[in-house]
Amino acid sequence: MPKIKTNSSAKKRFKVTGSGKIKRRHAFTSHILTKKSKKRKRRLAKAAIVHPSEVRRIKKMLNI
């Protein structure tokens, strides 16, 4: 039986925490930053936890 490959795009975008939760980056942080407030940009810069409804799908892509 061959090994199952990890989805390359998923492994670049997600990290697993020590407790098993999946971390992700926020969207809307790459360009057109002048119209966004400092507060909003600060909040978007921090990592977020993946929503429980998406966890199963992402874990499947990461082979966890």
PDB file of N, CA and C in Angstrom:
ATOM      1  N   MET A   1       0.857  -1.186   0.000  1.00  0.00           N
ATOM      2  CA  MET A   1       0.000   0.000   0.000  1.00  0.00           C
ATOM      3  C   MET A   1       0.898   1.244   0.000  1.00  0.00           C
ATOM      4  N   PRO A   2       0.749   2.159  -0.975  1.00  0.00           N
ATOM      5  CA  PRO A   2       1.601   3.355  -0.998  1.00  0.00           C
ATOM      6  C   PRO A   2       1.206   4.351   0.087  1.00  0.00           C
ATOM      7  N   LYS A   3       2.148   5.227   0.401  1.00  0.00           N
ATOM      8  CA  LYS A   3       1.875   6.272   1.384  1.00  0.00           C
ATOM      9  C   LYS A   3       0.909   7.288   0.785  1.00  0.00           C
ATOM     10  N   ILE A   4       0.115   7.927   1.641  1.00  0.00           N
ATOM     11  CA  ILE A   4      -0.812   8.963   1.182  1.00  0.00           C
ATOM     12  C   ILE A   4      -0.079  10.295   1.195  1.00  0.00           C
ATOM     13  N   LYS A   5      -0.161  11.016   0.092  1.00  0.00           N
ATOM     14  CA  LYS A   5       0.524  12.304   0.006  1.00  0.00           C
ATOM     15  C   LYS A   5      -0.263  13.383   0.740  1.00  0.00           C
ATOM     16  N   THR A   6       0.477  14.296   1.370  1.00  0.00           N
ATOM     17  CA  THR A   6      -0.116  15.460   2.021  1.00  0.00           C
ATOM     18  C   THR A   6      -0.406  16.494   0.946  1.00  0.00           C
ATOM     19  N   ASN A   7      -1.516  17.184   1.057  1.00  0.00           N
ATOM     20  CA  ASN A   7      -1.854  18.246   0.116  1.00  0.00           C
ATOM     21  C   ASN A   7      -0.864  19.398   0.307  1.00  0.00           C
ATOM     22  N   SER A   8      -0.117  19.730  -0.753  1.00  0.00           N
ATOM     23  CA  SER A   8       0.952  20.735  -0.665  1.00  0.00           C
ATOM     24  C   SER A   8       0.442  22.122  -0.294  1.00  0.00           C
ATOM     25  N   SER A   9      -0.712  22.513  -0.837  1.00  0.00           N
ATOM     26  CA  SER A   9      -1.240  23.838  -0.517  1.00  0.00           C
ATOM     27  C   SER A   9      -1.665  23.918   0.943  1.00  0.00           C
ATOM     28  N   ALA A  10      -2.192  22.816   1.469  1.00  0.00           N
ATOM     29  CA  ALA A  10      -2.641  22.797   2.868  1.00  0.00           C
ATOM     30  C   ALA A  10      -1.462  22.848   3.831  1.00  0.00           C
ATOM     31  N   LYS A  11      -0.394  22.129   3.531  1.00  0.00           N
ATOM     32  CA  LYS A  11       0.738  22.113   4.463  1.00  0.00           C
ATOM     33  C   LYS A  11       1.433  23.467   4.549  1.00  0.00           C
ATOM     34  N   LYS A  12       1.286  24.291   3.492  1.00  0.00           N
ATOM     35  CA  LYS A  12       1.864  25.636   3.508  1.00  0.00           C
ATOM     36  C   LYS A  12       0.994  26.619   4.293  1.00  0.00           C
ATOM     37  N   ARG A  13      -0.303  26.339   4.397  1.00  0.00           N
ATOM     38  CA  ARG A  13      -1.242  27.295   4.977  1.00  0.00           C
ATOM     39  C   ARG A  13      -1.669  27.009   6.412  1.00  0.00           C
ATOM     40  N   PHE A  14      -1.533  25.777   6.862  1.00  0.00           N
ATOM     41  CA  PHE A  14      -2.026  25.410   8.186  1.00  0.00           C
ATOM     42  C   PHE A  14      -0.948  24.801   9.066  1.00  0.00           C
ATOM     43  N   LYS A  15      -1.056  25.063  10.383  1.00  0.00           N
ATOM     44  CA  LYS A  15      -0.151  24.474  11.369  1.00  0.00           C
ATOM     45  C   LYS A  15      -1.021  23.872  12.471  1.00  0.00           C
ATOM     46  N   VAL A  16      -0.552  22.785  13.047  1.00  0.00           N
ATOM     47  CA  VAL A  16      -1.287  22.133  14.121  1.00  0.00           C
ATOM     48  C   VAL A  16      -0.683  22.571  15.453  1.00  0.00           C
ATOM     49  N   THR A  17      -1.526  22.992  16.394  1.00  0.00           N
ATOM     50  CA  THR A  17      -1.060  23.413  17.718  1.00  0.00           C
ATOM     51  C   THR A  17      -0.807  22.181  18.581  1.00  0.00           C
ATOM     52  N   GLY A  18      -0.223  22.397  19.736  1.00  0.00           N
ATOM     53  CA  GLY A  18       0.057  21.300  20.649  1.00  0.00           C
ATOM     54  C   GLY A  18      -1.181  20.571  21.115  1.00  0.00           C
ATOM     55  N   SER A  19      -2.287  21.299  21.238  1.00  0.00           N
ATOM     56  CA  SER A  19      -3.533  20.683  21.689  1.00  0.00           C
ATOM     57  C   SER A  19      -4.328  20.053  20.541  1.00  0.00           C
ATOM     58  N   GLY A  20      -3.799  20.145  19.302  1.00  0.00           N
ATOM     59  CA  GLY A  20      -4.444  19.507  18.163  1.00  0.00           C
ATOM     60  C   GLY A  20      -5.356  20.404  17.349  1.00  0.00           C
ATOM     61  N   LYS A  21      -5.456  21.689  17.741  1.00  0.00           N
ATOM     62  CA  LYS A  21      -6.261  22.625  16.959  1.00  0.00           C
ATOM     63  C   LYS A  21      -5.456  23.023  15.719  1.00  0.00           C
ATOM     64  N   ILE A  22      -6.150  23.543  14.714  1.00  0.00           N
ATOM     65  CA  ILE A  22      -5.473  23.947  13.483  1.00  0.00           C
ATOM     66  C   ILE A  22      -5.476  25.462  13.379  1.00  0.00           C
ATOM     67  N   LYS A  23      -4.265  26.027  13.196  1.00  0.00           N
ATOM     68  CA  LYS A  23      -4.096  27.468  13.074  1.00  0.00           C
ATOM     69  C   LYS A  23      -4.095  27.854  11.606  1.00  0.00           C
ATOM     70  N   ARG A  24      -4.596  29.073  11.327  1.00  0.00           N
ATOM     71  CA  ARG A  24      -4.593  29.599   9.967  1.00  0.00           C
ATOM     72  C   ARG A  24      -4.318  31.094  10.014  1.00  0.00           C
ATOM     73  N   ARG A  25      -3.989  31.671   8.862  1.00  0.00           N
ATOM     74  CA  ARG A  25      -3.817  33.119   8.761  1.00  0.00           C
ATOM     75  C   ARG A  25      -5.137  33.758   8.348  1.00  0.00           C
ATOM     76  N   HIS A  26      -5.290  35.018   8.678  1.00  0.00           N
ATOM     77  CA  HIS A  26      -6.468  35.756   8.240  1.00  0.00           C
ATOM     78  C   HIS A  26      -6.311  36.173   6.776  1.00  0.00           C
ATOM     79  N   ALA A  27      -7.425  36.360   6.106  1.00  0.00           N
ATOM     80  CA  ALA A  27      -7.428  36.876   4.736  1.00  0.00           C
ATOM     81  C   ALA A  27      -7.368  38.407   4.783  1.00  0.00           C
ATOM     82  N   PHE A  28      -7.252  39.033   3.641  1.00  0.00           N
ATOM     83  CA  PHE A  28      -7.270  40.498   3.477  1.00  0.00           C
ATOM     84  C   PHE A  28      -6.079  41.188   4.131  1.00  0.00           C
ATOM     85  N   THR A  29      -4.890  40.583   4.073  1.00  0.00           N
ATOM     86  CA  THR A  29      -3.714  41.201   4.705  1.00  0.00           C
ATOM     87  C   THR A  29      -2.607  41.529   3.715  1.00  0.00           C
ATOM     88  N   SER A  30      -2.788  41.200   2.445  1.00  0.00           N
ATOM     89  CA  SER A  30      -1.661  41.309   1.515  1.00  0.00           C
ATOM     90  C   SER A  30      -1.549  42.645   0.774  1.00  0.00           C
ATOM     91  N   HIS A  31      -2.653  43.256   0.410  1.00  0.00           N
ATOM     92  CA  HIS A  31      -2.569  44.523  -0.327  1.00  0.00           C
ATOM     93  C   HIS A  31      -3.808  45.370  -0.063  1.00  0.00           C
ATOM     94  N   ILE A  32      -3.795  46.594  -0.600  1.00  0.00           N
ATOM     95  CA  ILE A  32      -4.831  47.606  -0.344  1.00  0.00           C
ATOM     96  C   ILE A  32      -4.984  47.807   1.173  1.00  0.00           C
ATOM     97  N   LEU A  33      -3.859  48.082   1.819  1.00  0.00           N
ATOM     98  CA  LEU A  33      -3.862  48.222   3.275  1.00  0.00           C
ATOM     99  C   LEU A  33      -4.116  49.657   3.729  1.00  0.00           C
ATOM    100  N   THR A  34      -4.078  50.617   2.808  1.00  0.00           N
ATOM    101  CA  THR A  34      -4.223  52.026   3.194  1.00  0.00           C
ATOM    102  C   THR A  34      -5.613  52.345   3.716  1.00  0.00           C
ATOM    103  N   LYS A  35      -6.631  51.696   3.184  1.00  0.00           N
ATOM    104  CA  LYS A  35      -8.001  51.988   3.622  1.00  0.00           C
ATOM    105  C   LYS A  35      -8.420  51.210   4.863  1.00  0.00           C
ATOM    106  N   LYS A  36      -7.577  50.276   5.302  1.00  0.00           N
ATOM    107  CA  LYS A  36      -7.893  49.491   6.495  1.00  0.00           C
ATOM    108  C   LYS A  36      -7.296  50.170   7.722  1.00  0.00           C
ATOM    109  N   SER A  37      -8.040  50.175   8.811  1.00  0.00           N
ATOM    110  CA  SER A  37      -7.569  50.842  10.021  1.00  0.00           C
ATOM    111  C   SER A  37      -6.420  50.061  10.660  1.00  0.00           C
ATOM    112  N   LYS A  38      -5.635  50.745  11.476  1.00  0.00           N
ATOM    113  CA  LYS A  38      -4.516  50.102  12.171  1.00  0.00           C
ATOM    114  C   LYS A  38      -5.019  48.971  13.058  1.00  0.00           C
ATOM    115  N   LYS A  39      -6.142  49.232  13.710  1.00  0.00           N
ATOM    116  CA  LYS A  39      -6.737  48.233  14.595  1.00  0.00           C
ATOM    117  C   LYS A  39      -7.113  46.970  13.825  1.00  0.00           C
ATOM    118  N   ARG A  40      -7.704  47.158  12.660  1.00  0.00           N
ATOM    119  CA  ARG A  40      -8.112  46.026  11.826  1.00  0.00           C
ATOM    120  C   ARG A  40      -6.894  45.243  11.328  1.00  0.00           C
ATOM    121  N   LYS A  41      -5.856  45.959  10.899  1.00  0.00           N
ATOM    122  CA  LYS A  41      -4.643  45.297  10.401  1.00  0.00           C
ATOM    123  C   LYS A  41      -3.934  44.529  11.510  1.00  0.00           C
ATOM    124  N   ARG A  42      -3.936  45.082  12.703  1.00  0.00           N
ATOM    125  CA  ARG A  42      -3.331  44.409  13.865  1.00  0.00           C
ATOM    126  C   ARG A  42      -4.067  43.112  14.168  1.00  0.00           C
ATOM    127  N   ARG A  43      -5.385  43.180  14.134  1.00  0.00           N
ATOM    128  CA  ARG A  43      -6.206  42.009  14.408  1.00  0.00           C
ATOM    129  C   ARG A  43      -6.026  40.931  13.336  1.00  0.00           C
ATOM    130  N   LEU A  44      -5.922  41.348  12.090  1.00  0.00           N
ATOM    131  CA  LEU A  44      -5.749  40.409  10.983  1.00  0.00           C
ATOM    132  C   LEU A  44      -4.363  39.761  10.969  1.00  0.00           C
ATOM    133  N   ALA A  45      -3.377  40.430  11.560  1.00  0.00           N
ATOM    134  CA  ALA A  45      -2.013  39.907  11.567  1.00  0.00           C
ATOM    135  C   ALA A  45      -1.870  38.673  12.454  1.00  0.00           C
ATOM    136  N   LYS A  46      -2.731  38.556  13.450  1.00  0.00           N
ATOM    137  CA  LYS A  46      -2.658  37.419  14.373  1.00  0.00           C
ATOM    138  C   LYS A  46      -3.278  36.174  13.749  1.00  0.00           C
ATOM    139  N   ALA A  47      -2.791  35.036  14.170  1.00  0.00           N
ATOM    140  CA  ALA A  47      -3.315  33.765  13.663  1.00  0.00           C
ATOM    141  C   ALA A  47      -4.707  33.511  14.220  1.00  0.00           C
ATOM    142  N   ALA A  48      -5.472  32.707  13.505  1.00  0.00           N
ATOM    143  CA  ALA A  48      -6.816  32.338  13.936  1.00  0.00           C
ATOM    144  C   ALA A  48      -6.918  30.822  13.986  1.00  0.00           C
ATOM    145  N   ILE A  49      -7.900  30.341  14.689  1.00  0.00           N
ATOM    146  CA  ILE A  49      -8.160  28.900  14.769  1.00  0.00           C
ATOM    147  C   ILE A  49      -9.225  28.557  13.732  1.00  0.00           C
ATOM    148  N   VAL A  50      -9.017  27.454  13.031  1.00  0.00           N
ATOM    149  CA  VAL A  50      -9.956  27.009  12.003  1.00  0.00           C
ATOM    150  C   VAL A  50     -11.287  26.641  12.653  1.00  0.00           C
ATOM    151  N   HIS A  51     -12.380  27.005  11.995  1.00  0.00           N
ATOM    152  CA  HIS A  51     -13.724  26.729  12.501  1.00  0.00           C
ATOM    153  C   HIS A  51     -13.959  25.220  12.579  1.00  0.00           C
ATOM    154  N   PRO A  52     -14.630  24.767  13.642  1.00  0.00           N
ATOM    155  CA  PRO A  52     -14.859  23.319  13.822  1.00  0.00           C
ATOM    156  C   PRO A  52     -15.488  22.598  12.633  1.00  0.00           C
ATOM    157  N   SER A  53     -16.318  23.296  11.868  1.00  0.00           N
ATOM    158  CA  SER A  53     -16.963  22.657  10.714  1.00  0.00           C
ATOM    159  C   SER A  53     -15.978  22.364   9.576  1.00  0.00           C
ATOM    160  N   GLU A  54     -14.825  23.026   9.567  1.00  0.00           N
ATOM    161  CA  GLU A  54     -13.822  22.836   8.512  1.00  0.00           C
ATOM    162  C   GLU A  54     -12.685  21.917   8.936  1.00  0.00           C
ATOM    163  N   VAL A  55     -12.576  21.627  10.236  1.00  0.00           N
ATOM    164  CA  VAL A  55     -11.427  20.883  10.770  1.00  0.00           C
ATOM    165  C   VAL A  55     -11.277  19.507  10.116  1.00  0.00           C
ATOM    166  N   ARG A  56     -12.368  18.785   9.975  1.00  0.00           N
ATOM    167  CA  ARG A  56     -12.309  17.426   9.421  1.00  0.00           C
ATOM    168  C   ARG A  56     -11.741  17.426   8.000  1.00  0.00           C
ATOM    169  N   ARG A  57     -12.154  18.388   7.190  1.00  0.00           N
ATOM    170  CA  ARG A  57     -11.703  18.498   5.804  1.00  0.00           C
ATOM    171  C   ARG A  57     -10.211  18.800   5.729  1.00  0.00           C
ATOM    172  N   ILE A  58      -9.736  19.726   6.581  1.00  0.00           N
ATOM    173  CA  ILE A  58      -8.329  20.124   6.573  1.00  0.00           C
ATOM    174  C   ILE A  58      -7.444  19.007   7.124  1.00  0.00           C
ATOM    175  N   LYS A  59      -7.909  18.334   8.167  1.00  0.00           N
ATOM    176  CA  LYS A  59      -7.146  17.206   8.710  1.00  0.00           C
ATOM    177  C   LYS A  59      -6.969  16.103   7.675  1.00  0.00           C
ATOM    178  N   LYS A  60      -7.975  15.921   6.841  1.00  0.00           N
ATOM    179  CA  LYS A  60      -7.900  14.939   5.766  1.00  0.00           C
ATOM    180  C   LYS A  60      -6.831  15.337   4.742  1.00  0.00           C
ATOM    181  N   MET A  61      -6.746  16.625   4.443  1.00  0.00           N
ATOM    182  CA  MET A  61      -5.732  17.113   3.508  1.00  0.00           C
ATOM    183  C   MET A  61      -4.331  16.988   4.081  1.00  0.00           C
ATOM    184  N   LEU A  62      -4.216  17.154   5.422  1.00  0.00           N
ATOM    185  CA  LEU A  62      -2.906  17.085   6.090  1.00  0.00           C
ATOM    186  C   LEU A  62      -2.547  15.668   6.529  1.00  0.00           C
ATOM    187  N   ASN A  63      -3.454  14.728   6.342  1.00  0.00           N
ATOM    188  CA  ASN A  63      -3.255  13.326   6.771  1.00  0.00           C
ATOM    189  C   ASN A  63      -2.967  13.213   8.256  1.00  0.00           C
ATOM    190  N   ILE A  64      -3.792  13.867   9.057  1.00  0.00           N
ATOM    191  CA  ILE A  64      -3.633  13.810  10.526  1.00  0.00           C
ATOM    192  C   ILE A  64      -4.620  12.804  11.066  1.00  0.00           C
TER     193      ILE A  64
END
